[in-house]
Each structure stands twice: as structure tokens, then as C-alpha cells.
C-alpha atoms as a PDB file:
ATOM      1  CA  UNK A   1      40.692  28.827  61.101  1.00  0.00           C
ATOM      2  CA  UNK A   2      40.461  27.328  57.643  1.00  0.00           C
ATOM      3  CA  UNK A   3      44.286  27.280  57.845  1.00  0.00           C
ATOM      4  CA  UNK A   4      44.026  23.990  59.613  1.00  0.00           C
ATOM      5  CA  UNK A   5      42.888  21.982  56.774  1.00  0.00           C
ATOM      6  CA  UNK A   6      39.210  22.165  56.639  1.00  0.00           C
ATOM      7  CA  UNK A   7      39.198  23.036  52.847  1.00  0.00           C
ATOM      8  CA  UNK A   8      40.537  19.581  52.133  1.00  0.00           C
ATOM      9  CA  UNK A   9      38.441  17.661  54.521  1.00  0.00           C
ATOM     10  CA  UNK A  10      36.152  14.813  53.417  1.00  0.00           C
ATOM     11  CA  UNK A  11      32.655  15.513  53.190  1.00  0.00           C
ATOM     12  CA  UNK A  12      32.157  13.468  56.542  1.00  0.00           C
ATOM     13  CA  UNK A  13      35.014  15.206  58.152  1.00  0.00           C
ATOM     14  CA  UNK A  14      32.579  17.520  60.020  1.00  0.00           C
ATOM     15  CA  UNK A  15      31.344  14.387  62.067  1.00  0.00           C
ATOM     16  CA  UNK A  16      34.988  13.409  62.884  1.00  0.00           C
ATOM     17  CA  UNK A  17      36.697  16.684  63.316  1.00  0.00           C
ATOM     18  CA  UNK A  18      35.193  19.952  65.034  1.00  0.00           C
ATOM     19  CA  UNK A  19      35.947  23.045  66.705  1.00  0.00           C
ATOM     20  CA  UNK A  20      35.509  22.917  70.333  1.00  0.00           C
ATOM     21  CA  UNK A  21      34.629  25.538  73.074  1.00  0.00           C
ATOM     22  CA  UNK A  22      34.498  25.671  76.846  1.00  0.00           C
ATOM     23  CA  UNK A  23      30.732  25.202  76.803  1.00  0.00           C
ATOM     24  CA  UNK A  24      30.838  22.176  74.345  1.00  0.00           C
ATOM     25  CA  UNK A  25      33.839  20.548  76.028  1.00  0.00           C
ATOM     26  CA  UNK A  26      32.025  17.912  78.335  1.00  0.00           C
ATOM     27  CA  UNK A  27      29.721  16.842  75.308  1.00  0.00           C
ATOM     28  CA  UNK A  28      32.235  17.138  72.510  1.00  0.00           C
ATOM     29  CA  UNK A  29      35.095  15.485  74.412  1.00  0.00           C
ATOM     30  CA  UNK A  30      34.121  13.730  77.826  1.00  0.00           C
ATOM     31  CA  UNK A  31      30.877  12.427  76.690  1.00  0.00           C
ATOM     32  CA  UNK A  32      31.880  11.634  73.111  1.00  0.00           C
ATOM     33  CA  UNK A  33      34.839   9.665  74.273  1.00  0.00           C
ATOM     34  CA  UNK A  34      32.672   7.192  75.870  1.00  0.00           C
ATOM     35  CA  UNK A  35      31.959   5.893  72.437  1.00  0.00           C
ATOM     36  CA  UNK A  36      35.172   6.310  70.657  1.00  0.00           C
ATOM     37  CA  UNK A  37      38.606   8.030  71.663  1.00  0.00           C
ATOM     38  CA  UNK A  38      38.626  11.710  71.175  1.00  0.00           C
ATOM     39  CA  UNK A  39      41.875  13.616  70.284  1.00  0.00           C
ATOM     40  CA  UNK A  40      41.976  17.179  71.547  1.00  0.00           C
ATOM     41  CA  UNK A  41      44.371  19.659  69.758  1.00  0.00           C
ATOM     42  CA  UNK A  42      45.122  22.490  71.861  1.00  0.00           C
ATOM     43  CA  UNK A  43      46.361  25.176  69.468  1.00  0.00           C
ATOM     44  CA  UNK A  44      46.339  29.100  68.939  1.00  0.00           C
ATOM     45  CA  UNK A  45      46.114  30.961  65.512  1.00  0.00           C
ATOM     46  CA  UNK A  46      49.409  32.534  66.336  1.00  0.00           C
ATOM     47  CA  UNK A  47      51.327  29.291  66.714  1.00  0.00           C
ATOM     48  CA  UNK A  48      53.311  28.311  63.808  1.00  0.00           C
ATOM     49  CA  UNK A  49      53.878  24.653  64.694  1.00  0.00           C
ATOM     50  CA  UNK A  50      50.165  24.414  65.503  1.00  0.00           C
ATOM     51  CA  UNK A  51      49.368  25.065  61.903  1.00  0.00           C
ATOM     52  CA  UNK A  52      51.656  22.275  60.827  1.00  0.00           C
ATOM     53  CA  UNK A  53      50.514  19.670  63.386  1.00  0.00           C
ATOM     54  CA  UNK A  54      46.671  20.299  62.895  1.00  0.00           C
ATOM     55  CA  UNK A  55      46.452  19.333  59.198  1.00  0.00           C
ATOM     56  CA  UNK A  56      48.622  16.066  59.922  1.00  0.00           C
ATOM     57  CA  UNK A  57      46.389  15.189  62.909  1.00  0.00           C
ATOM     58  CA  UNK A  58      43.224  15.612  60.734  1.00  0.00           C
ATOM     59  CA  UNK A  59      44.759  13.352  58.023  1.00  0.00           C
ATOM     60  CA  UNK A  60      45.211  10.652  60.426  1.00  0.00           C
ATOM     61  CA  UNK A  61      41.956  10.828  62.002  1.00  0.00           C
ATOM     62  CA  UNK A  62      40.243  10.919  58.693  1.00  0.00           C
ATOM     63  CA  UNK A  63      41.985   7.898  57.728  1.00  0.00           C
ATOM     64  CA  UNK A  64      40.890   6.182  60.717  1.00  0.00           C
ATOM     65  CA  UNK A  65      37.493   6.119  59.201  1.00  0.00           C
ATOM     66  CA  UNK A  66      35.483   6.936  62.599  1.00  0.00           C
ATOM     67  CA  UNK A  67      37.532   4.789  64.858  1.00  0.00           C
ATOM     68  CA  UNK A  68      38.460   8.072  66.538  1.00  0.00           C
ATOM     69  CA  UNK A  69      37.404  11.712  66.540  1.00  0.00           C
ATOM     70  CA  UNK A  70      39.075  15.075  66.926  1.00  0.00           C
ATOM     71  CA  UNK A  71      38.335  18.296  68.696  1.00  0.00           C
ATOM     72  CA  UNK A  72      40.261  21.483  68.273  1.00  0.00           C
ATOM     73  CA  UNK A  73      40.619  23.970  71.142  1.00  0.00           C
ATOM     74  CA  UNK A  74      41.779  27.462  70.791  1.00  0.00           C
ATOM     75  CA  UNK A  75      43.513  28.297  74.142  1.00  0.00           C
ATOM     76  CA  UNK A  76      43.032  31.804  73.877  1.00  0.00           C
ATOM     77  CA  UNK A  77      39.222  31.215  73.830  1.00  0.00           C
ATOM     78  CA  UNK A  78      39.116  28.377  76.275  1.00  0.00           C
ATOM     79  CA  UNK A  79      41.661  29.539  78.982  1.00  0.00           C
ATOM     80  CA  UNK A  80      39.793  27.774  81.948  1.00  0.00           C
ATOM     81  CA  UNK A  81      39.880  24.283  80.228  1.00  0.00           C
ATOM     82  CA  UNK A  82      43.490  24.971  79.267  1.00  0.00           C
ATOM     83  CA  UNK A  83      44.282  26.006  82.961  1.00  0.00           C
ATOM     84  CA  UNK A  84      42.323  22.647  84.363  1.00  0.00           C
ATOM     85  CA  UNK A  85      44.526  20.361  82.053  1.00  0.00           C
ATOM     86  CA  UNK A  86      47.550  22.384  82.759  1.00  0.00           C
ATOM     87  CA  UNK A  87      48.505  23.472  79.190  1.00  0.00           C
ATOM     88  CA  UNK A  88      51.620  25.120  79.491  1.00  0.00           C
ATOM     89  CA  UNK A  89      52.747  25.144  76.022  1.00  0.00           C
ATOM     90  CA  UNK A  90      51.232  24.651  72.395  1.00  0.00           C
ATOM     91  CA  UNK A  91      50.783  22.692  70.418  1.00  0.00           C
ATOM     92  CA  UNK A  92      49.634  20.005  73.241  1.00  0.00           C
ATOM     93  CA  UNK A  93      47.459  17.063  72.062  1.00  0.00           C
ATOM     94  CA  UNK A  94      45.415  14.891  74.643  1.00  0.00           C
ATOM     95  CA  UNK A  95      43.437  11.745  73.765  1.00  0.00           C
ATOM     96  CA  UNK A  96      40.490  11.114  75.892  1.00  0.00           C
ATOM     97  CA  UNK A  97      38.815   7.559  76.174  1.00  0.00           C
ATOM     98  CA  UNK A  98      35.795   6.799  78.685  1.00  0.00           C
ATOM     99  CA  UNK A  99      36.036  10.446  79.803  1.00  0.00           C
ATOM    100  CA  UNK A 100      39.631  10.112  80.762  1.00  0.00           C
ATOM    101  CA  UNK A 101      43.014  11.438  79.425  1.00  0.00           C
ATOM    102  CA  UNK A 102      44.624   8.255  78.138  1.00  0.00           C
ATOM    103  CA  UNK A 103      47.603   9.419  76.076  1.00  0.00           C
ATOM    104  CA  UNK A 104      49.183  12.786  74.703  1.00  0.00           C
ATOM    105  CA  UNK A 105      52.281  14.666  73.534  1.00  0.00           C
ATOM    106  CA  UNK A 106      53.609  18.183  73.214  1.00  0.00           C
ATOM    107  CA  UNK A 107      54.991  19.927  70.143  1.00  0.00           C
ATOM    108  CA  UNK A 108      54.987  19.078  66.634  1.00  0.00           C
ATOM    109  CA  UNK A 109      55.925  15.506  65.563  1.00  0.00           C
ATOM    110  CA  UNK A 110      56.443  13.559  62.429  1.00  0.00           C
ATOM    111  CA  UNK A 111      53.372  12.034  60.516  1.00  0.00           C
ATOM    112  CA  UNK A 112      54.797   8.589  61.134  1.00  0.00           C
ATOM    113  CA  UNK A 113      54.627   9.284  65.032  1.00  0.00           C
ATOM    114  CA  UNK A 114      51.203  10.723  64.558  1.00  0.00           C
ATOM    115  CA  UNK A 115      49.928   7.580  62.810  1.00  0.00           C
ATOM    116  CA  UNK A 116      51.329   5.386  65.604  1.00  0.00           C
ATOM    117  CA  UNK A 117      49.545   7.672  68.045  1.00  0.00           C
ATOM    118  CA  UNK A 118      46.437   7.353  66.366  1.00  0.00           C
ATOM    119  CA  UNK A 119      46.818   3.694  65.789  1.00  0.00           C
ATOM    120  CA  UNK A 120      47.284   3.118  69.457  1.00  0.00           C
ATOM    121  CA  UNK A 121      44.045   4.875  70.096  1.00  0.00           C
ATOM    122  CA  UNK A 122      42.164   3.068  67.580  1.00  0.00           C
ATOM    123  CA  UNK A 123      43.127  -0.250  69.081  1.00  0.00           C
ATOM    124  CA  UNK A 124      42.388   1.087  72.704  1.00  0.00           C
ATOM    125  CA  UNK A 125      39.154   1.894  71.458  1.00  0.00           C
ATOM    126  CA  UNK A 126      38.393  -1.499  69.748  1.00  0.00           C
ATOM    127  CA  UNK A 127      38.273  -0.359  66.203  1.00  0.00           C
ATOM    128  CA  UNK A 128      41.289  -1.789  64.832  1.00  0.00           C
ATOM    129  CA  UNK A 129      40.816  -3.619  61.578  1.00  0.00           C
ATOM    130  CA  UNK A 130      41.538  -7.241  61.215  1.00  0.00           C
ATOM    131  CA  UNK A 131      41.040  -8.415  64.772  1.00  0.00           C
ATOM    132  CA  UNK A 132      42.265 -11.956  65.803  1.00  0.00           C
ATOM    133  CA  UNK A 133      39.752 -14.033  64.048  1.00  0.00           C
ATOM    134  CA  UNK A 134      42.103 -16.718  62.827  1.00  0.00           C
ATOM    135  CA  UNK A 135      43.612 -20.140  64.029  1.00  0.00           C
ATOM    136  CA  UNK A 136      45.993 -18.090  66.573  1.00  0.00           C
ATOM    137  CA  UNK A 137      43.070 -16.420  68.231  1.00  0.00           C
ATOM    138  CA  UNK A 138      41.975 -19.826  69.596  1.00  0.00           C
ATOM    139  CA  UNK A 139      45.303 -20.533  70.868  1.00  0.00           C
ATOM    140  CA  UNK A 140      45.610 -17.057  72.639  1.00  0.00           C
ATOM    141  CA  UNK A 141      42.251 -17.861  74.367  1.00  0.00           C
ATOM    142  CA  UNK A 142      43.283 -21.168  75.655  1.00  0.00           C
ATOM    143  CA  UNK A 143      46.556 -19.618  77.027  1.00  0.00           C
ATOM    144  CA  UNK A 144      44.368 -16.871  78.579  1.00  0.00           C
ATOM    145  CA  UNK A 145      42.221 -19.556  80.227  1.00  0.00           C
ATOM    146  CA  UNK A 146      45.145 -21.414  81.446  1.00  0.00           C
ATOM    147  CA  UNK A 147      46.561 -18.331  83.166  1.00  0.00           C
ATOM    148  CA  UNK A 148      43.250 -17.346  84.724  1.00  0.00           C
ATOM    149  CA  UNK A 149      43.009 -21.032  85.991  1.00  0.00           C
ATOM    150  CA  UNK A 150      46.538 -20.475  87.787  1.00  0.00           C
ATOM    151  CA  UNK A 151      48.327 -22.534  85.275  1.00  0.00           C
ATOM    152  CA  UNK A 152      50.820 -19.891  84.585  1.00  0.00           C
ATOM    153  CA  UNK A 153      53.780 -22.113  83.220  1.00  0.00           C
ATOM    154  CA  UNK A 154      51.584 -23.888  80.878  1.00  0.00           C
ATOM    155  CA  UNK A 155      50.100 -20.503  79.862  1.00  0.00           C
ATOM    156  CA  UNK A 156      53.800 -19.214  79.417  1.00  0.00           C
ATOM    157  CA  UNK A 157      54.598 -21.931  76.873  1.00  0.00           C
ATOM    158  CA  UNK A 158      51.580 -21.422  74.882  1.00  0.00           C
ATOM    159  CA  UNK A 159      51.928 -17.635  74.690  1.00  0.00           C
ATOM    160  CA  UNK A 160      55.745 -18.125  73.728  1.00  0.00           C
ATOM    161  CA  UNK A 161      54.942 -20.491  70.993  1.00  0.00           C
ATOM    162  CA  UNK A 162      52.414 -17.959  69.549  1.00  0.00           C
ATOM    163  CA  UNK A 163      54.767 -15.190  69.790  1.00  0.00           C
ATOM    164  CA  UNK A 164      57.458 -17.169  68.078  1.00  0.00           C
ATOM    165  CA  UNK A 165      55.031 -18.096  65.166  1.00  0.00           C
ATOM    166  CA  UNK A 166      53.542 -14.443  65.049  1.00  0.00           C
ATOM    167  CA  UNK A 167      56.059 -11.858  66.543  1.00  0.00           C
ATOM    168  CA  UNK A 168      53.557  -9.133  65.550  1.00  0.00           C
ATOM    169  CA  UNK A 169      51.062 -10.423  67.984  1.00  0.00           C
ATOM    170  CA  UNK A 170      51.241  -7.860  70.947  1.00  0.00           C
ATOM    171  CA  UNK A 171      48.674  -9.932  72.762  1.00  0.00           C
ATOM    172  CA  UNK A 172      50.911 -12.982  72.862  1.00  0.00           C
ATOM    173  CA  UNK A 173      54.014 -11.023  74.146  1.00  0.00           C
ATOM    174  CA  UNK A 174      51.712  -9.343  76.610  1.00  0.00           C
ATOM    175  CA  UNK A 175      50.274 -12.649  77.802  1.00  0.00           C
ATOM    176  CA  UNK A 176      53.870 -13.960  78.200  1.00  0.00           C
ATOM    177  CA  UNK A 177      54.846 -11.038  80.509  1.00  0.00           C
ATOM    178  CA  UNK A 178      51.652 -11.626  82.579  1.00  0.00           C
ATOM    179  CA  UNK A 179      52.558 -15.083  82.880  1.00  0.00           C
ATOM    180  CA  UNK A 180      55.882 -14.463  84.204  1.00  0.00           C
ATOM    181  CA  UNK A 181      54.532 -11.972  86.484  1.00  0.00           C
ATOM    182  CA  UNK A 182      52.092 -14.532  88.018  1.00  0.00           C
ATOM    183  CA  UNK A 183      55.163 -16.795  88.393  1.00  0.00           C
ATOM    184  CA  UNK A 184      56.857 -14.185  90.353  1.00  0.00           C
ATOM    185  CA  UNK A 185      59.693 -13.950  87.808  1.00  0.00           C
ATOM    186  CA  UNK A 186      59.563 -10.183  87.607  1.00  0.00           C
ATOM    187  CA  UNK A 187      62.991  -9.952  85.890  1.00  0.00           C
ATOM    188  CA  UNK A 188      62.084 -12.284  82.969  1.00  0.00           C
ATOM    189  CA  UNK A 189      58.831 -10.100  82.572  1.00  0.00           C
ATOM    190  CA  UNK A 190      60.772  -7.163  82.203  1.00  0.00           C
ATOM    191  CA  UNK A 191      63.146  -8.847  79.804  1.00  0.00           C
ATOM    192  CA  UNK A 192      60.246  -9.789  77.515  1.00  0.00           C
ATOM    193  CA  UNK A 193      58.814  -6.249  77.587  1.00  0.00           C
ATOM    194  CA  UNK A 194      62.264  -4.724  76.572  1.00  0.00           C
ATOM    195  CA  UNK A 195      62.812  -7.346  73.880  1.00  0.00           C
ATOM    196  CA  UNK A 196      59.621  -6.672  71.910  1.00  0.00           C
ATOM    197  CA  UNK A 197      59.836  -5.079  68.599  1.00  0.00           C
ATOM    198  CA  UNK A 198      59.438  -1.285  68.491  1.00  0.00           C
ATOM    199  CA  UNK A 199      56.580  -1.540  66.028  1.00  0.00           C
ATOM    200  CA  UNK A 200      54.237  -2.921  68.529  1.00  0.00           C
ATOM    201  CA  UNK A 201      55.744  -1.717  71.948  1.00  0.00           C
ATOM    202  CA  UNK A 202      53.092   0.812  72.587  1.00  0.00           C
ATOM    203  CA  UNK A 203      50.169  -1.586  71.827  1.00  0.00           C
ATOM    204  CA  UNK A 204      47.550  -1.424  74.501  1.00  0.00           C
ATOM    205  CA  UNK A 205      48.160  -5.088  75.567  1.00  0.00           C
ATOM    206  CA  UNK A 206      51.727  -4.261  76.105  1.00  0.00           C
ATOM    207  CA  UNK A 207      51.105  -1.119  78.068  1.00  0.00           C
ATOM    208  CA  UNK A 208      48.607  -2.933  80.213  1.00  0.00           C
ATOM    209  CA  UNK A 209      51.401  -5.448  81.046  1.00  0.00           C
ATOM    210  CA  UNK A 210      53.740  -2.862  81.718  1.00  0.00           C
ATOM    211  CA  UNK A 211      51.458  -1.493  84.312  1.00  0.00           C
ATOM    212  CA  UNK A 212      50.834  -4.609  85.707  1.00  0.00           C
ATOM    213  CA  UNK A 213      54.777  -5.179  85.993  1.00  0.00           C
ATOM    214  CA  UNK A 214      54.944  -1.938  87.876  1.00  0.00           C
ATOM    215  CA  UNK A 215      52.073  -2.707  90.138  1.00  0.00           C
ATOM    216  CA  UNK A 216      53.875  -6.208  90.969  1.00  0.00           C
ATOM    217  CA  UNK A 217      57.244  -4.460  91.912  1.00  0.00           C
ATOM    218  CA  UNK A 218      55.281  -2.101  94.100  1.00  0.00           C
ATOM    219  CA  UNK A 219      53.664  -4.996  95.759  1.00  0.00           C
ATOM    220  CA  UNK A 220      56.923  -6.196  96.777  1.00  0.00           C
ATOM    221  CA  UNK A 221      57.599  -3.091  98.852  1.00  0.00           C
ATOM    222  CA  UNK A 222      54.065  -2.673 100.244  1.00  0.00           C
ATOM    223  CA  UNK A 223      53.619  -2.409 103.855  1.00  0.00           C
ATOM    224  CA  UNK A 224      51.143  -4.148 106.012  1.00  0.00           C
ATOM    225  CA  UNK A 225      47.538  -2.886 105.173  1.00  0.00           C
ATOM    226  CA  UNK A 226      46.479  -2.389 108.942  1.00  0.00           C
ATOM    227  CA  UNK A 227      49.435  -0.432 109.950  1.00  0.00           C
ATOM    228  CA  UNK A 228      49.139   1.754 107.045  1.00  0.00           C
ATOM    229  CA  UNK A 229      45.188   2.030 107.584  1.00  0.00           C
ATOM    230  CA  UNK A 230      46.039   3.505 110.976  1.00  0.00           C
ATOM    231  CA  UNK A 231      48.392   5.880 109.670  1.00  0.00           C
ATOM    232  CA  UNK A 232      45.713   7.238 107.436  1.00  0.00           C
ATOM    233  CA  UNK A 233      43.105   7.139 110.043  1.00  0.00           C
ATOM    234  CA  UNK A 234      45.345   9.186 112.448  1.00  0.00           C
ATOM    235  CA  UNK A 235      46.187  11.703 109.683  1.00  0.00           C
ATOM    236  CA  UNK A 236      43.661  11.902 106.763  1.00  0.00           C
ATOM    237  CA  UNK A 237      46.206  14.278 104.786  1.00  0.00           C
ATOM    238  CA  UNK A 238      49.122  11.890 105.123  1.00  0.00           C
ATOM    239  CA  UNK A 239      49.156  11.481 101.353  1.00  0.00           C
ATOM    240  CA  UNK A 240      52.204   9.139 101.154  1.00  0.00           C
ATOM    241  CA  UNK A 241      50.412   6.789 103.632  1.00  0.00           C
ATOM    242  CA  UNK A 242      47.395   6.804 101.743  1.00  0.00           C
ATOM    243  CA  UNK A 243      49.090   5.955  98.379  1.00  0.00           C
ATOM    244  CA  UNK A 244      51.192   3.172 100.203  1.00  0.00           C
ATOM    245  CA  UNK A 245      47.777   1.903 101.593  1.00  0.00           C
ATOM    246  CA  UNK A 246      46.340   1.848  97.908  1.00  0.00           C
ATOM    247  CA  UNK A 247      49.571  -0.069  96.806  1.00  0.00           C
ATOM    248  CA  UNK A 248      49.025  -2.607  99.685  1.00  0.00           C
ATOM    249  CA  UNK A 249      45.412  -3.038  98.974  1.00  0.00           C
ATOM    250  CA  UNK A 250      45.881  -3.736  95.318  1.00  0.00           C
ATOM    251  CA  UNK A 251      48.726  -6.212  96.128  1.00  0.00           C
ATOM    252  CA  UNK A 252      46.157  -8.075  98.433  1.00  0.00           C
ATOM    253  CA  UNK A 253      43.446  -8.007  95.659  1.00  0.00           C
ATOM    254  CA  UNK A 254      41.372  -5.273  96.834  1.00  0.00           C
ATOM    255  CA  UNK A 255      41.607  -3.128  93.804  1.00  0.00           C
ATOM    256  CA  UNK A 256      38.405  -1.323  94.302  1.00  0.00           C
ATOM    257  CA  UNK A 257      39.311   0.002  97.796  1.00  0.00           C
ATOM    258  CA  UNK A 258      42.662   1.038  96.230  1.00  0.00           C
ATOM    259  CA  UNK A 259      41.189   3.371  93.789  1.00  0.00           C
ATOM    260  CA  UNK A 260      38.887   4.762  96.465  1.00  0.00           C
ATOM    261  CA  UNK A 261      41.927   5.570  98.401  1.00  0.00           C
ATOM    262  CA  UNK A 262      43.727   7.330  95.460  1.00  0.00           C
ATOM    263  CA  UNK A 263      40.605   9.152  94.493  1.00  0.00           C
ATOM    264  CA  UNK A 264      40.489  10.583  98.179  1.00  0.00           C
ATOM    265  CA  UNK A 265      44.154  11.636  98.060  1.00  0.00           C
ATOM    266  CA  UNK A 266      43.360  13.360  94.498  1.00  0.00           C
ATOM    267  CA  UNK A 267      40.268  14.968  96.100  1.00  0.00           C
ATOM    268  CA  UNK A 268      42.277  16.419  99.123  1.00  0.00           C
ATOM    269  CA  UNK A 269      45.293  17.635  97.059  1.00  0.00           C
ATOM    270  CA  UNK A 270      45.502  16.844  93.402  1.00  0.00           C
ATOM    271  CA  UNK A 271      48.954  18.437  92.914  1.00  0.00           C
ATOM    272  CA  UNK A 272      50.678  16.558  95.972  1.00  0.00           C
ATOM    273  CA  UNK A 273      53.963  15.110  94.864  1.00  0.00           C
ATOM    274  CA  UNK A 274      53.641  16.198  91.148  1.00  0.00           C
ATOM    275  CA  UNK A 275      50.161  14.430  90.890  1.00  0.00           C
ATOM    276  CA  UNK A 276      51.188  11.190  92.384  1.00  0.00           C
ATOM    277  CA  UNK A 277      47.726   9.996  93.378  1.00  0.00           C
ATOM    278  CA  UNK A 278      46.627  10.619  89.755  1.00  0.00           C
ATOM    279  CA  UNK A 279      49.663   8.914  88.304  1.00  0.00           C
ATOM    280  CA  UNK A 280      48.900   5.962  90.397  1.00  0.00           C
ATOM    281  CA  UNK A 281      45.548   5.887  89.300  1.00  0.00           C
ATOM    282  CA  UNK A 282      46.436   5.880  85.681  1.00  0.00           C
ATOM    283  CA  UNK A 283      48.783   2.809  86.288  1.00  0.00           C
ATOM    284  CA  UNK A 284      45.935   0.741  88.130  1.00  0.00           C
ATOM    285  CA  UNK A 285      43.674   1.755  85.343  1.00  0.00           C
ATOM    286  CA  UNK A 286      46.206   0.727  82.601  1.00  0.00           C
ATOM    287  CA  UNK A 287      46.622  -2.559  84.315  1.00  0.00           C
ATOM    288  CA  UNK A 288      42.895  -3.429  84.321  1.00  0.00           C
ATOM    289  CA  UNK A 289      40.914  -4.514  81.224  1.00  0.00           C
ATOM    290  CA  UNK A 290      39.319  -1.464  79.512  1.00  0.00           C
ATOM    291  CA  UNK A 291      35.897  -2.544  80.362  1.00  0.00           C
ATOM    292  CA  UNK A 292      36.457  -3.597  83.982  1.00  0.00           C
ATOM    293  CA  UNK A 293      33.830  -2.070  86.104  1.00  0.00           C
ATOM    294  CA  UNK A 294      36.243  -0.879  88.514  1.00  0.00           C
ATOM    295  CA  UNK A 295      38.344   0.817  85.987  1.00  0.00           C
ATOM    296  CA  UNK A 296      35.043   2.464  84.456  1.00  0.00           C
ATOM    297  CA  UNK A 297      33.652   3.697  87.431  1.00  0.00           C
ATOM    298  CA  UNK A 298      37.186   4.963  88.638  1.00  0.00           C
ATOM    299  CA  UNK A 299      37.523   6.888  85.478  1.00  0.00           C
ATOM    300  CA  UNK A 300      34.249   8.378  85.776  1.00  0.00           C
ATOM    301  CA  UNK A 301      34.749   9.679  89.257  1.00  0.00           C
ATOM    302  CA  UNK A 302      38.141  10.987  88.352  1.00  0.00           C
ATOM    303  CA  UNK A 303      36.816  12.768  85.481  1.00  0.00           C
ATOM    304  CA  UNK A 304      33.977  14.387  87.516  1.00  0.00           C
ATOM    305  CA  UNK A 305      36.593  15.665  89.815  1.00  0.00           C
ATOM    306  CA  UNK A 306      38.823  17.176  87.026  1.00  0.00           C
ATOM    307  CA  UNK A 307      36.011  18.819  85.320  1.00  0.00           C
ATOM    308  CA  UNK A 308      33.777  19.872  88.365  1.00  0.00           C
END
């Protein structure tokens, strides 16, 4: 598989880019992604677009200087893994972080989109250069503290001021969205999300804010917890009732039990309604901070179910 670009790799590339197998998948991908995001490139020697995409991915991973890693999986030699992840066409690329698929795409895409994809993963893994160690970082923290203290209107003013001064600060726009969600102004929150510049629209902070907006909209339609719980107890395989119960639980602040209910639905029938339980879990995980213990525990449990 020299054709995928190993001949031009930097000397340290062996630590960043490797060939994976079914036997090494848990160690190379699931376990390694506990430290940094891991990109998995599903390809085959007979796939022309794969041979174009592979070197482009390698280039972007190498330029990230260790903030992400890459594993190449030949689907002809790893049919079980490909089936578990429902790989239906190649090239398909998945990104794992903390043992969980967090992003991905199918088909060959331009180098600019590959770079944006890798940059999102670098940011999600905490390895983005630069950070926010400047004067605006203190203002951002002040706004976050206001929001946590229930002072949503004051926080919104500070976030808006920061976003006006530094339009490329995704954290400021995301904070402004969350402040409007806290005030119950979901239309304005959505307008802010729709108005951010395309260059930062996929930043992890904004993706999380979007997930929080989705959950806030669901909360408005959530039914009574007791009624939904009774429906689930009467019929444990009523997946719609269980997912609605999870939404209602989250709306009342019981996120951990919401995750438990969704995991139980996934355990019983992972394919129900096109994987609705898994999709709802992703939304919940995306809305929580990356190191939130509920999110970390839930991701680990979901991974163990997927790769059992």
C-alpha cells in the first residue's frame, strides 16, 4: 500500500499514520482516541478515489503535528469492522474521539475541506494552537461566569461585545447563542447561529451550541415525565416513548438518566427508526462539555455496545 503516500511521509509519520486491522482496531482507534482524535480512512486497493484521498488526509494529519492521528483500514481485510460501522461505500472517513465516532464524510473531497475537517478535530481535542490567552479570554470567562450564575442578559451583552470586537471568536458567538437559549429566545439563538461566518460555523463551540438549541426546542414539546415513564414500564420496547422520556428527563435537568434511557433503547434495537437513539445520544453528548463526566461515561458505554 505504498501508493497511499508512505514514501513521502516525514520520519515521525509512523507514530501518526498507521495501517490498521480488525485485531488492532480497539488499540489503534478506540483506545488511542482517548488521548487525541483518530481519523479512520476506510479504503481498498481497487478504489481510485481512495488513492487520491489517502495522501491528502496524510498531509493534513502530518501538518497537525501530533494533534490527531490516522489509521488506514482496508475494508477487504476488515469486513467485520466495516459491517459494524455500516460502511456502504468507499472512501469513507470516520473520526473518533474518547472512543466515540464524532465526525466523518464519504467520498473524495477537496484539500481545503480536509483541512477544515482536521482543524475541527484538533480544536475538539484541545490541541489547537494559539488558545485564548489574551485580554478577550478574561472577558469570555466573565461572561461564562455570568451565564452560570443565571445572569443571561448581562452575559449576552458581554458575549455580543466580544463577538463584535473579534468576529472570529467562535466561543463568543456560541456563548451568545447559549445566553439567548437561557433567556428562552430560541428564534434569536437560531438567527445568531445562522449569521456566523462560514469559516467558524463548524467550530466545536458552535456545534455544541447548535446541539443545545436542538435540545431546547425538543424540551418545548416534551411530555410529562411520569406519563412517559409509565408508558415505558408498560412496554419496554416502546422506543418512541423511551426516547421521548429521555428528552423530557433532559428538559428537567436529569441528563444522566436521559443518557441511560437512550443507551437502553440502543441496546434493545440499535437500528430502530434509522438509529434514532444513537442520533439523540450524539446530540446530548455534543451539547455537553467534552470532559463532562456524564458525556464521558455515556460515550464509553456506547462504544462498548458498538464494538462488543
